[in-house]
């Protein structure tokens, strides 16, 4: 079982806690992570690329000149793909790239991502806190406290913490997300995870059960 220290915003160690084995202590599945991340990136594609065929371009449909007797190569309409301003043959059309990942694979991917971070000792835990007003200076202290300057850090909270989000948005490479909105891609993309104590419980309830 992985044990980590618990810190408060003042930089003081206030205790320790064991991370749940069902989420942070499994054998990571590289395949599940791959499929979840691939689906996330693929689903961001809009699929709007489109070209006009010869029937859609704004050109006359009249034959350009008679078939025989001119000495020139035969031609059809001005919308032919071989002519400038004509339609495009076999060009891209609007397409839905959406991929679906089974629920069990999603769950395994999340557990695997958390377990990878635990093995790499890239998880820190904060005592629960609440900011009455946005305060960038207080949150900026986290990067020095955990010695993660220059690394991409992701702070996970139990719920939506508006003042915390506002306090972190001007801090380079520090992002904030509620546990319910985090994805495998977010976890893999971060170098360091910072979890609040209640966020750990929330993670256990969402992905710890079989």
N, C-alpha and C. Protein backbone atom coordinates (compact mmCIF):
# COMPACT_ATOMS: atom_id res chain seq x y z
N UNK A 1 0.85 -1.20 0.00
CA UNK A 1 0.00 0.00 0.00
C UNK A 1 0.88 1.24 0.00
N UNK A 2 0.53 2.21 -0.86
CA UNK A 2 1.30 3.43 -0.98
C UNK A 2 0.88 4.44 0.08
N UNK A 3 1.86 4.91 0.85
CA UNK A 3 1.59 5.90 1.88
C UNK A 3 2.23 7.22 1.49
N UNK A 4 1.47 8.30 1.61
CA UNK A 4 1.98 9.63 1.25
C UNK A 4 1.71 10.60 2.40
N UNK A 5 2.52 11.65 2.48
CA UNK A 5 2.31 12.67 3.48
C UNK A 5 1.19 13.61 3.10
N UNK A 6 0.57 14.19 4.09
CA UNK A 6 -0.50 15.17 3.87
C UNK A 6 -0.01 16.54 4.34
N UNK A 7 -0.14 17.53 3.47
CA UNK A 7 0.37 18.88 3.74
C UNK A 7 -0.75 19.89 3.73
N UNK A 8 -0.55 21.00 4.43
CA UNK A 8 -1.51 22.10 4.34
C UNK A 8 -0.94 23.20 3.46
N UNK A 9 -1.73 24.24 3.20
CA UNK A 9 -1.28 25.31 2.31
C UNK A 9 -0.11 26.11 2.87
N UNK A 10 0.11 26.01 4.17
CA UNK A 10 1.22 26.73 4.78
C UNK A 10 2.54 26.00 4.61
N UNK A 11 2.49 24.79 4.02
CA UNK A 11 3.71 24.03 3.81
C UNK A 11 4.08 23.14 4.98
N UNK A 12 3.14 22.89 5.89
CA UNK A 12 3.40 22.06 7.06
C UNK A 12 2.83 20.66 6.85
N UNK A 13 3.60 19.67 7.23
CA UNK A 13 3.12 18.30 7.14
C UNK A 13 2.20 18.03 8.34
N UNK A 14 0.94 17.68 8.03
CA UNK A 14 -0.05 17.50 9.10
C UNK A 14 -0.42 16.04 9.31
N UNK A 15 0.22 15.13 8.59
CA UNK A 15 -0.09 13.72 8.77
C UNK A 15 0.28 12.92 7.54
N UNK A 16 -0.27 11.74 7.45
CA UNK A 16 -0.04 10.87 6.29
C UNK A 16 -1.30 10.06 6.04
N UNK A 17 -1.39 9.48 4.85
CA UNK A 17 -2.55 8.64 4.53
C UNK A 17 -2.14 7.57 3.54
N UNK A 18 -2.86 6.46 3.59
CA UNK A 18 -2.63 5.36 2.65
C UNK A 18 -3.56 5.53 1.45
N UNK A 19 -3.00 5.47 0.27
CA UNK A 19 -3.81 5.57 -0.95
C UNK A 19 -4.47 4.23 -1.21
N UNK A 20 -5.75 4.23 -1.63
CA UNK A 20 -6.48 2.97 -1.85
C UNK A 20 -5.79 2.08 -2.88
N UNK A 21 -5.58 0.82 -2.52
CA UNK A 21 -4.90 -0.12 -3.41
C UNK A 21 -5.70 -0.38 -4.68
N UNK A 22 -7.03 -0.33 -4.59
CA UNK A 22 -7.86 -0.66 -5.75
C UNK A 22 -7.71 0.36 -6.87
N UNK A 23 -7.23 1.55 -6.56
CA UNK A 23 -7.05 2.59 -7.59
C UNK A 23 -5.57 2.91 -7.81
N UNK A 24 -4.82 2.97 -6.73
CA UNK A 24 -3.43 3.42 -6.82
C UNK A 24 -2.41 2.27 -6.73
N UNK A 25 -2.89 1.04 -6.64
CA UNK A 25 -1.94 -0.05 -6.45
C UNK A 25 -2.12 -1.22 -7.40
N UNK A 26 -2.73 -1.00 -8.57
CA UNK A 26 -2.92 -2.11 -9.51
C UNK A 26 -1.76 -2.16 -10.50
N UNK A 27 -1.70 -3.24 -11.25
CA UNK A 27 -0.72 -3.36 -12.33
C UNK A 27 -1.24 -2.54 -13.52
N UNK A 28 -0.56 -1.45 -13.90
CA UNK A 28 -1.09 -0.57 -14.95
C UNK A 28 -1.24 -1.31 -16.28
N UNK A 29 -2.33 -1.01 -16.97
CA UNK A 29 -2.59 -1.58 -18.30
C UNK A 29 -2.26 -0.53 -19.35
N UNK A 30 -1.16 -0.74 -20.06
CA UNK A 30 -0.75 0.21 -21.11
C UNK A 30 -1.78 0.24 -22.24
N UNK A 31 -2.40 -0.91 -22.53
CA UNK A 31 -3.40 -0.96 -23.60
C UNK A 31 -4.62 -0.11 -23.27
N UNK A 32 -5.11 -0.22 -22.03
CA UNK A 32 -6.29 0.55 -21.63
C UNK A 32 -5.99 2.05 -21.70
N UNK A 33 -4.81 2.44 -21.23
CA UNK A 33 -4.43 3.86 -21.29
C UNK A 33 -4.36 4.32 -22.74
N UNK A 34 -3.78 3.49 -23.60
CA UNK A 34 -3.66 3.85 -25.02
C UNK A 34 -5.03 4.09 -25.64
N UNK A 35 -5.97 3.15 -25.44
CA UNK A 35 -7.28 3.28 -26.05
C UNK A 35 -8.04 4.51 -25.52
N UNK A 36 -7.91 4.78 -24.22
CA UNK A 36 -8.62 5.92 -23.63
C UNK A 36 -8.05 7.24 -24.15
N UNK A 37 -6.72 7.35 -24.19
CA UNK A 37 -6.10 8.59 -24.66
C UNK A 37 -6.35 8.78 -26.15
N UNK A 38 -6.24 7.71 -26.93
CA UNK A 38 -6.48 7.79 -28.38
C UNK A 38 -7.91 8.25 -28.66
N UNK A 39 -8.87 7.70 -27.92
CA UNK A 39 -10.27 8.10 -28.12
C UNK A 39 -10.48 9.56 -27.76
N UNK A 40 -9.84 10.01 -26.67
CA UNK A 40 -9.98 11.41 -26.26
C UNK A 40 -9.47 12.35 -27.35
N UNK A 41 -8.30 12.06 -27.91
CA UNK A 41 -7.72 12.92 -28.94
C UNK A 41 -8.51 12.83 -30.25
N UNK A 42 -8.95 11.62 -30.59
CA UNK A 42 -9.72 11.44 -31.82
C UNK A 42 -11.05 12.16 -31.74
N UNK A 43 -11.70 12.14 -30.58
CA UNK A 43 -13.01 12.77 -30.43
C UNK A 43 -12.93 14.29 -30.48
N UNK A 44 -11.73 14.84 -30.40
CA UNK A 44 -11.58 16.28 -30.53
C UNK A 44 -11.56 16.73 -32.00
N UNK A 45 -11.43 15.76 -32.91
CA UNK A 45 -11.43 16.11 -34.34
C UNK A 45 -12.84 16.52 -34.77
N UNK A 46 -12.93 17.62 -35.49
CA UNK A 46 -14.24 18.12 -35.91
C UNK A 46 -14.75 17.42 -37.16
N UNK A 47 -13.86 16.98 -38.02
CA UNK A 47 -14.30 16.29 -39.23
C UNK A 47 -15.06 17.18 -40.19
N UNK A 48 -14.69 18.49 -40.24
CA UNK A 48 -15.43 19.44 -41.08
C UNK A 48 -14.83 19.62 -42.47
N UNK A 49 -13.67 19.03 -42.75
CA UNK A 49 -13.03 19.22 -44.05
C UNK A 49 -13.96 18.75 -45.16
N UNK A 50 -14.15 19.61 -46.17
CA UNK A 50 -15.10 19.27 -47.23
C UNK A 50 -14.70 19.95 -48.54
N UNK A 51 -14.84 19.24 -49.63
CA UNK A 51 -14.61 19.81 -50.96
C UNK A 51 -15.86 19.58 -51.80
N UNK A 52 -16.00 20.35 -52.88
CA UNK A 52 -17.15 20.22 -53.76
C UNK A 52 -16.84 19.27 -54.91
N UNK A 53 -17.81 18.43 -55.23
CA UNK A 53 -17.67 17.55 -56.39
C UNK A 53 -18.06 18.31 -57.65
N UNK A 54 -17.94 17.68 -58.80
CA UNK A 54 -18.25 18.36 -60.06
C UNK A 54 -19.73 18.75 -60.15
N UNK A 55 -20.58 18.08 -59.39
CA UNK A 55 -22.00 18.41 -59.42
C UNK A 55 -22.34 19.59 -58.51
N UNK A 56 -21.40 19.98 -57.62
CA UNK A 56 -21.67 21.03 -56.64
C UNK A 56 -21.03 22.37 -56.98
N UNK A 57 -20.02 22.39 -57.86
CA UNK A 57 -19.36 23.66 -58.17
C UNK A 57 -20.28 24.54 -59.03
N UNK A 58 -20.07 25.84 -58.91
CA UNK A 58 -20.92 26.79 -59.63
C UNK A 58 -20.38 26.99 -61.05
N UNK A 59 -20.59 26.00 -61.89
CA UNK A 59 -20.17 26.04 -63.28
C UNK A 59 -21.33 25.56 -64.15
N UNK A 60 -21.35 26.02 -65.41
CA UNK A 60 -22.40 25.57 -66.31
C UNK A 60 -22.27 24.08 -66.57
N UNK A 61 -23.40 23.44 -66.79
CA UNK A 61 -23.40 22.00 -67.06
C UNK A 61 -23.39 21.72 -68.56
N UNK A 62 -23.27 22.79 -69.34
CA UNK A 62 -23.27 22.65 -70.80
C UNK A 62 -21.92 22.13 -71.27
N UNK A 63 -21.95 21.25 -72.27
CA UNK A 63 -20.70 20.74 -72.85
C UNK A 63 -19.94 21.91 -73.46
N UNK A 64 -18.62 21.97 -73.21
CA UNK A 64 -17.83 23.13 -73.57
C UNK A 64 -17.77 23.36 -75.09
N UNK A 65 -17.61 22.31 -75.84
CA UNK A 65 -17.66 22.39 -77.31
C UNK A 65 -17.98 21.01 -77.84
N UNK A 66 -18.27 20.97 -79.12
CA UNK A 66 -18.73 19.70 -79.69
C UNK A 66 -17.66 18.62 -79.59
N UNK A 67 -18.13 17.39 -79.63
CA UNK A 67 -17.26 16.25 -79.38
C UNK A 67 -16.20 16.08 -80.45
N UNK A 68 -16.59 16.22 -81.73
CA UNK A 68 -15.67 15.91 -82.83
C UNK A 68 -15.49 17.10 -83.77
N UNK A 69 -14.40 17.06 -84.52
CA UNK A 69 -14.20 18.04 -85.58
C UNK A 69 -13.42 19.28 -85.19
N UNK A 70 -13.08 19.44 -83.92
CA UNK A 70 -12.35 20.66 -83.52
C UNK A 70 -10.84 20.45 -83.51
N UNK A 71 -10.40 19.23 -83.52
CA UNK A 71 -8.97 18.96 -83.43
C UNK A 71 -8.45 18.96 -81.99
N UNK A 72 -9.30 19.30 -81.07
CA UNK A 72 -8.88 19.34 -79.67
C UNK A 72 -9.37 18.09 -78.93
N UNK A 73 -8.80 17.90 -77.75
CA UNK A 73 -9.24 16.76 -76.95
C UNK A 73 -10.69 16.97 -76.53
N UNK A 74 -11.42 15.90 -76.45
CA UNK A 74 -12.83 16.01 -76.06
C UNK A 74 -12.94 16.47 -74.61
N UNK A 75 -13.93 17.29 -74.35
CA UNK A 75 -14.18 17.80 -73.00
C UNK A 75 -15.66 17.79 -72.72
N UNK A 76 -15.95 17.61 -71.42
CA UNK A 76 -17.35 17.62 -71.02
C UNK A 76 -17.74 19.00 -70.51
N UNK A 77 -18.06 19.07 -69.21
CA UNK A 77 -18.50 20.34 -68.64
C UNK A 77 -17.33 21.06 -67.98
N UNK A 78 -17.56 22.35 -67.66
CA UNK A 78 -16.52 23.17 -67.02
C UNK A 78 -16.26 22.73 -65.58
N UNK A 79 -17.15 21.90 -65.03
CA UNK A 79 -16.97 21.44 -63.65
C UNK A 79 -16.13 20.19 -63.54
N UNK A 80 -15.52 19.76 -64.63
CA UNK A 80 -14.71 18.55 -64.62
C UNK A 80 -13.52 18.70 -63.66
N UNK A 81 -13.18 17.65 -62.94
CA UNK A 81 -12.07 17.73 -61.97
C UNK A 81 -10.71 18.04 -62.59
N UNK A 82 -10.56 17.83 -63.91
CA UNK A 82 -9.26 18.07 -64.53
C UNK A 82 -9.08 19.53 -64.94
N UNK A 83 -10.11 20.34 -64.73
CA UNK A 83 -10.04 21.75 -65.11
C UNK A 83 -9.93 22.65 -63.88
N UNK A 84 -9.24 23.81 -64.03
CA UNK A 84 -9.17 24.79 -62.95
C UNK A 84 -10.57 25.31 -62.66
N UNK A 85 -10.93 25.34 -61.39
CA UNK A 85 -12.26 25.79 -61.00
C UNK A 85 -13.29 24.68 -61.02
N UNK A 86 -12.87 23.49 -61.43
CA UNK A 86 -13.79 22.37 -61.46
C UNK A 86 -13.91 21.71 -60.09
N UNK A 87 -14.69 20.66 -60.04
CA UNK A 87 -14.87 19.93 -58.79
C UNK A 87 -13.62 19.14 -58.41
N UNK A 88 -13.63 18.59 -57.19
CA UNK A 88 -12.51 17.79 -56.70
C UNK A 88 -12.92 16.32 -56.69
N UNK A 89 -12.09 15.50 -57.30
CA UNK A 89 -12.37 14.07 -57.32
C UNK A 89 -11.80 13.41 -56.07
N UNK A 90 -12.62 12.64 -55.38
CA UNK A 90 -12.20 11.87 -54.20
C UNK A 90 -11.64 12.78 -53.09
N UNK A 91 -12.16 13.98 -52.96
CA UNK A 91 -11.71 14.90 -51.92
C UNK A 91 -12.33 14.56 -50.58
N UNK A 92 -11.89 15.25 -49.50
CA UNK A 92 -12.45 14.97 -48.16
C UNK A 92 -13.90 15.43 -48.05
N UNK A 93 -14.68 14.69 -47.30
CA UNK A 93 -16.07 15.02 -47.02
C UNK A 93 -16.28 15.02 -45.51
N UNK A 94 -17.30 15.71 -45.01
CA UNK A 94 -17.55 15.71 -43.56
C UNK A 94 -17.66 14.29 -43.02
N UNK A 95 -17.00 14.07 -41.87
CA UNK A 95 -16.93 12.72 -41.31
C UNK A 95 -16.97 12.77 -39.80
N UNK A 96 -17.64 11.82 -39.21
CA UNK A 96 -17.70 11.70 -37.75
C UNK A 96 -16.59 10.74 -37.29
N UNK A 97 -15.59 11.27 -36.57
CA UNK A 97 -14.46 10.46 -36.14
C UNK A 97 -14.66 9.87 -34.73
N UNK A 98 -15.81 10.07 -34.15
CA UNK A 98 -16.00 9.72 -32.75
C UNK A 98 -15.74 8.25 -32.48
N UNK A 99 -15.00 8.00 -31.38
CA UNK A 99 -14.71 6.63 -30.93
C UNK A 99 -15.33 6.41 -29.56
N UNK A 100 -15.82 5.22 -29.35
CA UNK A 100 -16.42 4.88 -28.06
C UNK A 100 -15.52 3.88 -27.33
N UNK A 101 -15.26 4.17 -26.06
CA UNK A 101 -14.47 3.27 -25.23
C UNK A 101 -15.40 2.61 -24.22
N UNK A 102 -15.39 1.29 -24.10
CA UNK A 102 -16.25 0.61 -23.11
C UNK A 102 -15.99 1.11 -21.69
N UNK A 103 -17.01 1.10 -20.88
CA UNK A 103 -16.91 1.61 -19.51
C UNK A 103 -15.83 0.90 -18.70
N UNK A 104 -15.73 -0.40 -18.86
CA UNK A 104 -14.72 -1.16 -18.11
C UNK A 104 -13.31 -0.77 -18.51
N UNK A 105 -13.12 -0.48 -19.80
CA UNK A 105 -11.79 -0.08 -20.27
C UNK A 105 -11.47 1.32 -19.75
N UNK A 106 -12.47 2.21 -19.75
CA UNK A 106 -12.28 3.56 -19.20
C UNK A 106 -11.86 3.49 -17.73
N UNK A 107 -12.56 2.65 -17.00
CA UNK A 107 -12.28 2.52 -15.56
C UNK A 107 -10.88 1.96 -15.33
N UNK A 108 -10.51 0.95 -16.11
CA UNK A 108 -9.18 0.36 -15.99
C UNK A 108 -8.11 1.38 -16.37
N UNK A 109 -8.40 2.20 -17.37
CA UNK A 109 -7.43 3.21 -17.80
C UNK A 109 -7.20 4.25 -16.69
N UNK A 110 -8.27 4.66 -16.03
CA UNK A 110 -8.13 5.63 -14.94
C UNK A 110 -7.32 5.03 -13.79
N UNK A 111 -7.64 3.80 -13.41
CA UNK A 111 -6.89 3.14 -12.33
C UNK A 111 -5.42 3.01 -12.71
N UNK A 112 -5.18 2.63 -13.97
CA UNK A 112 -3.80 2.44 -14.43
C UNK A 112 -3.03 3.74 -14.39
N UNK A 113 -3.68 4.84 -14.80
CA UNK A 113 -3.01 6.14 -14.81
C UNK A 113 -2.66 6.57 -13.38
N UNK A 114 -3.60 6.40 -12.45
CA UNK A 114 -3.33 6.75 -11.05
C UNK A 114 -2.21 5.87 -10.48
N UNK A 115 -2.24 4.58 -10.82
CA UNK A 115 -1.22 3.66 -10.30
C UNK A 115 0.16 4.01 -10.85
N UNK A 116 0.22 4.42 -12.11
CA UNK A 116 1.49 4.83 -12.69
C UNK A 116 2.09 6.01 -11.93
N UNK A 117 1.25 6.97 -11.60
CA UNK A 117 1.72 8.14 -10.86
C UNK A 117 2.18 7.74 -9.44
N UNK A 118 1.46 6.79 -8.84
CA UNK A 118 1.83 6.35 -7.50
C UNK A 118 3.18 5.63 -7.52
N UNK A 119 3.39 4.79 -8.53
CA UNK A 119 4.66 4.08 -8.65
C UNK A 119 5.80 5.07 -8.87
N UNK A 120 5.53 6.11 -9.65
CA UNK A 120 6.55 7.11 -9.94
C UNK A 120 6.69 8.16 -8.86
N UNK A 121 5.99 7.97 -7.73
CA UNK A 121 6.03 8.91 -6.61
C UNK A 121 5.74 10.34 -7.08
N UNK A 122 4.72 10.44 -7.95
CA UNK A 122 4.34 11.74 -8.51
C UNK A 122 3.00 12.20 -7.96
N UNK A 123 2.64 11.76 -6.74
CA UNK A 123 1.38 12.14 -6.12
C UNK A 123 1.65 12.80 -4.77
N UNK A 124 1.02 13.95 -4.56
CA UNK A 124 1.08 14.64 -3.28
C UNK A 124 -0.35 14.88 -2.80
N UNK A 125 -0.53 14.95 -1.49
CA UNK A 125 -1.87 15.13 -0.92
C UNK A 125 -1.91 16.40 -0.08
N UNK A 126 -2.96 17.20 -0.30
CA UNK A 126 -3.17 18.43 0.45
C UNK A 126 -4.33 18.25 1.43
N UNK A 127 -4.21 18.84 2.58
CA UNK A 127 -5.34 18.90 3.50
C UNK A 127 -6.44 19.73 2.84
N UNK A 128 -7.68 19.36 3.05
CA UNK A 128 -8.80 20.11 2.45
C UNK A 128 -8.73 21.57 2.85
N UNK A 129 -9.01 22.45 1.89
CA UNK A 129 -8.97 23.89 2.15
C UNK A 129 -10.06 24.56 1.35
N UNK A 130 -10.37 25.78 1.73
CA UNK A 130 -11.37 26.57 1.00
C UNK A 130 -10.92 28.02 0.98
N UNK A 131 -10.83 28.58 -0.21
CA UNK A 131 -10.42 29.97 -0.36
C UNK A 131 -11.67 30.85 -0.41
N UNK A 132 -11.73 31.83 0.48
CA UNK A 132 -12.89 32.72 0.50
C UNK A 132 -12.86 33.67 -0.69
N UNK A 133 -11.66 34.05 -1.10
CA UNK A 133 -11.49 34.91 -2.27
C UNK A 133 -10.31 34.35 -3.08
N UNK A 134 -10.26 34.61 -4.40
CA UNK A 134 -9.12 34.15 -5.19
C UNK A 134 -7.81 34.77 -4.69
N UNK A 135 -6.80 33.95 -4.54
CA UNK A 135 -5.51 34.41 -4.03
C UNK A 135 -4.39 33.63 -4.73
N UNK A 136 -3.86 34.22 -5.79
CA UNK A 136 -2.83 33.54 -6.58
C UNK A 136 -1.59 33.24 -5.76
N UNK A 137 -1.21 34.16 -4.89
CA UNK A 137 0.02 33.99 -4.11
C UNK A 137 -0.01 32.73 -3.25
N UNK A 138 -1.17 32.45 -2.65
CA UNK A 138 -1.28 31.28 -1.78
C UNK A 138 -1.10 29.98 -2.57
N UNK A 139 -1.69 29.95 -3.78
CA UNK A 139 -1.60 28.74 -4.58
C UNK A 139 -0.23 28.62 -5.26
N UNK A 140 0.40 29.74 -5.57
CA UNK A 140 1.73 29.71 -6.19
C UNK A 140 2.74 29.09 -5.24
N UNK A 141 2.46 29.17 -3.96
CA UNK A 141 3.35 28.60 -2.95
C UNK A 141 3.45 27.08 -3.10
N UNK A 142 2.42 26.46 -3.72
CA UNK A 142 2.42 25.01 -3.89
C UNK A 142 3.61 24.53 -4.72
N UNK A 143 3.93 25.27 -5.78
CA UNK A 143 5.01 24.84 -6.67
C UNK A 143 6.36 24.81 -5.95
N UNK A 144 6.54 25.73 -5.00
CA UNK A 144 7.78 25.75 -4.21
C UNK A 144 7.72 24.70 -3.09
N UNK A 145 6.55 24.54 -2.52
CA UNK A 145 6.39 23.60 -1.41
C UNK A 145 6.68 22.17 -1.86
N UNK A 146 6.18 21.80 -3.04
CA UNK A 146 6.39 20.44 -3.55
C UNK A 146 7.56 20.35 -4.52
N UNK A 147 8.27 21.46 -4.71
CA UNK A 147 9.45 21.51 -5.59
C UNK A 147 9.12 20.99 -6.98
N UNK A 148 8.09 21.59 -7.59
CA UNK A 148 7.65 21.14 -8.92
C UNK A 148 7.70 22.28 -9.93
N UNK A 149 8.55 23.26 -9.70
CA UNK A 149 8.67 24.36 -10.65
C UNK A 149 9.08 23.81 -12.02
N UNK A 150 8.41 24.28 -13.06
CA UNK A 150 8.72 23.85 -14.42
C UNK A 150 8.04 22.56 -14.84
N UNK A 151 7.36 21.90 -13.90
CA UNK A 151 6.65 20.66 -14.24
C UNK A 151 5.16 20.94 -14.39
N UNK A 152 4.51 20.12 -15.22
CA UNK A 152 3.06 20.25 -15.39
C UNK A 152 2.37 19.57 -14.21
N UNK A 153 1.64 20.37 -13.45
CA UNK A 153 0.98 19.85 -12.25
C UNK A 153 -0.53 19.94 -12.42
N UNK A 154 -1.23 18.95 -11.90
CA UNK A 154 -2.69 18.91 -11.95
C UNK A 154 -3.22 18.78 -10.53
N UNK A 155 -4.00 19.77 -10.10
CA UNK A 155 -4.61 19.76 -8.78
C UNK A 155 -6.05 19.25 -8.91
N UNK A 156 -6.35 18.15 -8.22
CA UNK A 156 -7.69 17.56 -8.27
C UNK A 156 -8.43 17.86 -6.97
N UNK A 157 -9.64 18.40 -7.12
CA UNK A 157 -10.47 18.73 -5.97
C UNK A 157 -11.72 17.86 -5.96
N UNK A 158 -12.37 17.77 -4.82
CA UNK A 158 -13.57 16.93 -4.70
C UNK A 158 -14.70 17.46 -5.56
N UNK A 159 -14.90 18.77 -5.54
CA UNK A 159 -15.95 19.39 -6.34
C UNK A 159 -15.42 20.61 -7.07
N UNK A 160 -16.34 21.35 -7.67
CA UNK A 160 -15.94 22.56 -8.39
C UNK A 160 -15.54 23.64 -7.38
N UNK A 161 -14.29 24.07 -7.45
CA UNK A 161 -13.77 25.09 -6.52
C UNK A 161 -13.42 26.33 -7.34
N UNK A 162 -14.39 27.21 -7.47
CA UNK A 162 -14.23 28.37 -8.36
C UNK A 162 -13.08 29.28 -7.95
N UNK A 163 -12.97 29.57 -6.66
CA UNK A 163 -11.90 30.46 -6.20
C UNK A 163 -10.52 29.82 -6.37
N UNK A 164 -10.46 28.50 -6.23
CA UNK A 164 -9.19 27.81 -6.44
C UNK A 164 -8.79 27.86 -7.91
N UNK A 165 -9.76 27.68 -8.78
CA UNK A 165 -9.48 27.75 -10.22
C UNK A 165 -8.98 29.14 -10.59
N UNK A 166 -9.63 30.17 -10.08
CA UNK A 166 -9.22 31.54 -10.38
C UNK A 166 -7.84 31.84 -9.81
N UNK A 167 -7.52 31.24 -8.68
CA UNK A 167 -6.22 31.48 -8.05
C UNK A 167 -5.08 30.82 -8.81
N UNK A 168 -5.40 29.78 -9.58
CA UNK A 168 -4.34 29.02 -10.26
C UNK A 168 -4.19 29.34 -11.74
N UNK A 169 -5.15 30.08 -12.31
CA UNK A 169 -5.12 30.22 -13.77
C UNK A 169 -3.98 31.07 -14.29
N UNK A 170 -3.35 31.87 -13.42
CA UNK A 170 -2.19 32.66 -13.85
C UNK A 170 -0.87 32.02 -13.46
N UNK A 171 -0.93 30.81 -12.93
CA UNK A 171 0.29 30.10 -12.53
C UNK A 171 0.66 29.15 -13.66
N UNK A 172 1.83 29.33 -14.27
CA UNK A 172 2.22 28.48 -15.40
C UNK A 172 2.24 27.00 -15.03
N UNK A 173 1.67 26.18 -15.92
CA UNK A 173 1.72 24.72 -15.82
C UNK A 173 1.01 24.14 -14.60
N UNK A 174 0.12 24.92 -13.98
CA UNK A 174 -0.69 24.40 -12.88
C UNK A 174 -2.16 24.47 -13.26
N UNK A 175 -2.81 23.31 -13.33
CA UNK A 175 -4.22 23.23 -13.71
C UNK A 175 -5.04 22.69 -12.55
N UNK A 176 -6.34 23.02 -12.56
CA UNK A 176 -7.25 22.55 -11.51
C UNK A 176 -8.46 21.90 -12.16
N UNK A 177 -8.83 20.72 -11.68
CA UNK A 177 -10.02 20.04 -12.17
C UNK A 177 -10.72 19.33 -11.02
N UNK A 178 -12.06 19.29 -11.05
CA UNK A 178 -12.77 18.43 -10.09
C UNK A 178 -12.59 16.98 -10.51
N UNK A 179 -12.59 16.08 -9.55
CA UNK A 179 -12.35 14.67 -9.83
C UNK A 179 -13.32 14.11 -10.87
N UNK A 180 -14.57 14.54 -10.81
CA UNK A 180 -15.59 13.98 -11.71
C UNK A 180 -15.35 14.35 -13.17
N UNK A 181 -14.51 15.36 -13.43
CA UNK A 181 -14.29 15.81 -14.81
C UNK A 181 -12.93 15.39 -15.37
N UNK A 182 -12.11 14.75 -14.57
CA UNK A 182 -10.77 14.40 -15.04
C UNK A 182 -10.83 13.19 -15.97
N UNK A 183 -9.91 13.15 -16.91
CA UNK A 183 -9.83 12.04 -17.86
C UNK A 183 -8.46 11.39 -17.78
N UNK A 184 -8.33 10.23 -18.41
CA UNK A 184 -7.04 9.54 -18.45
C UNK A 184 -5.99 10.42 -19.11
N UNK A 185 -6.39 11.14 -20.16
CA UNK A 185 -5.45 12.03 -20.85
C UNK A 185 -4.92 13.11 -19.92
N UNK A 186 -5.80 13.68 -19.09
CA UNK A 186 -5.36 14.71 -18.14
C UNK A 186 -4.32 14.16 -17.17
N UNK A 187 -4.54 12.94 -16.71
CA UNK A 187 -3.62 12.33 -15.75
C UNK A 187 -2.27 12.03 -16.39
N UNK A 188 -2.30 11.47 -17.59
CA UNK A 188 -1.06 11.11 -18.28
C UNK A 188 -0.29 12.35 -18.69
N UNK A 189 -1.01 13.40 -19.05
CA UNK A 189 -0.37 14.63 -19.53
C UNK A 189 0.32 15.40 -18.40
N UNK A 190 -0.08 15.15 -17.17
CA UNK A 190 0.51 15.86 -16.03
C UNK A 190 1.76 15.13 -15.54
N UNK A 191 2.75 15.91 -15.13
CA UNK A 191 3.95 15.32 -14.53
C UNK A 191 3.72 14.98 -13.06
N UNK A 192 2.89 15.80 -12.40
CA UNK A 192 2.67 15.65 -10.96
C UNK A 192 1.18 15.79 -10.66
N UNK A 193 0.66 14.97 -9.76
CA UNK A 193 -0.73 15.09 -9.31
C UNK A 193 -0.73 15.58 -7.87
N UNK A 194 -1.59 16.59 -7.61
CA UNK A 194 -1.80 17.07 -6.25
C UNK A 194 -3.27 16.83 -5.92
N UNK A 195 -3.53 16.02 -4.92
CA UNK A 195 -4.89 15.65 -4.56
C UNK A 195 -5.24 16.22 -3.19
N UNK A 196 -6.47 16.72 -3.07
CA UNK A 196 -6.94 17.06 -1.73
C UNK A 196 -7.38 15.77 -1.04
N UNK A 197 -7.44 15.80 0.28
CA UNK A 197 -7.81 14.59 1.03
C UNK A 197 -9.19 14.08 0.61
N UNK A 198 -10.15 15.01 0.45
CA UNK A 198 -11.50 14.59 0.05
C UNK A 198 -11.52 14.11 -1.40
N UNK A 199 -10.58 14.60 -2.23
CA UNK A 199 -10.51 14.14 -3.62
C UNK A 199 -10.11 12.67 -3.67
N UNK A 200 -9.24 12.26 -2.76
CA UNK A 200 -8.84 10.85 -2.71
C UNK A 200 -10.05 9.96 -2.42
N UNK A 201 -10.88 10.39 -1.48
CA UNK A 201 -12.09 9.63 -1.16
C UNK A 201 -13.04 9.59 -2.35
N UNK A 202 -13.13 10.71 -3.05
CA UNK A 202 -14.00 10.77 -4.23
C UNK A 202 -13.49 9.84 -5.33
N UNK A 203 -12.17 9.82 -5.52
CA UNK A 203 -11.57 8.93 -6.51
C UNK A 203 -11.88 7.48 -6.18
N UNK A 204 -11.79 7.14 -4.91
CA UNK A 204 -12.07 5.77 -4.45
C UNK A 204 -13.53 5.39 -4.75
N UNK A 205 -14.44 6.33 -4.51
CA UNK A 205 -15.85 6.03 -4.73
C UNK A 205 -16.20 5.90 -6.22
N UNK A 206 -15.49 6.64 -7.07
CA UNK A 206 -15.78 6.60 -8.51
C UNK A 206 -15.14 5.42 -9.21
N UNK A 207 -13.90 5.12 -8.88
CA UNK A 207 -13.17 4.11 -9.64
C UNK A 207 -12.64 2.96 -8.80
N UNK A 208 -12.88 3.00 -7.50
CA UNK A 208 -12.33 1.94 -6.66
C UNK A 208 -13.19 0.70 -6.61
N UNK A 209 -14.52 0.86 -6.76
CA UNK A 209 -15.42 -0.28 -6.69
C UNK A 209 -15.30 -1.13 -7.94
N UNK A 210 -15.50 -2.43 -7.78
CA UNK A 210 -15.40 -3.36 -8.92
C UNK A 210 -16.61 -3.21 -9.83
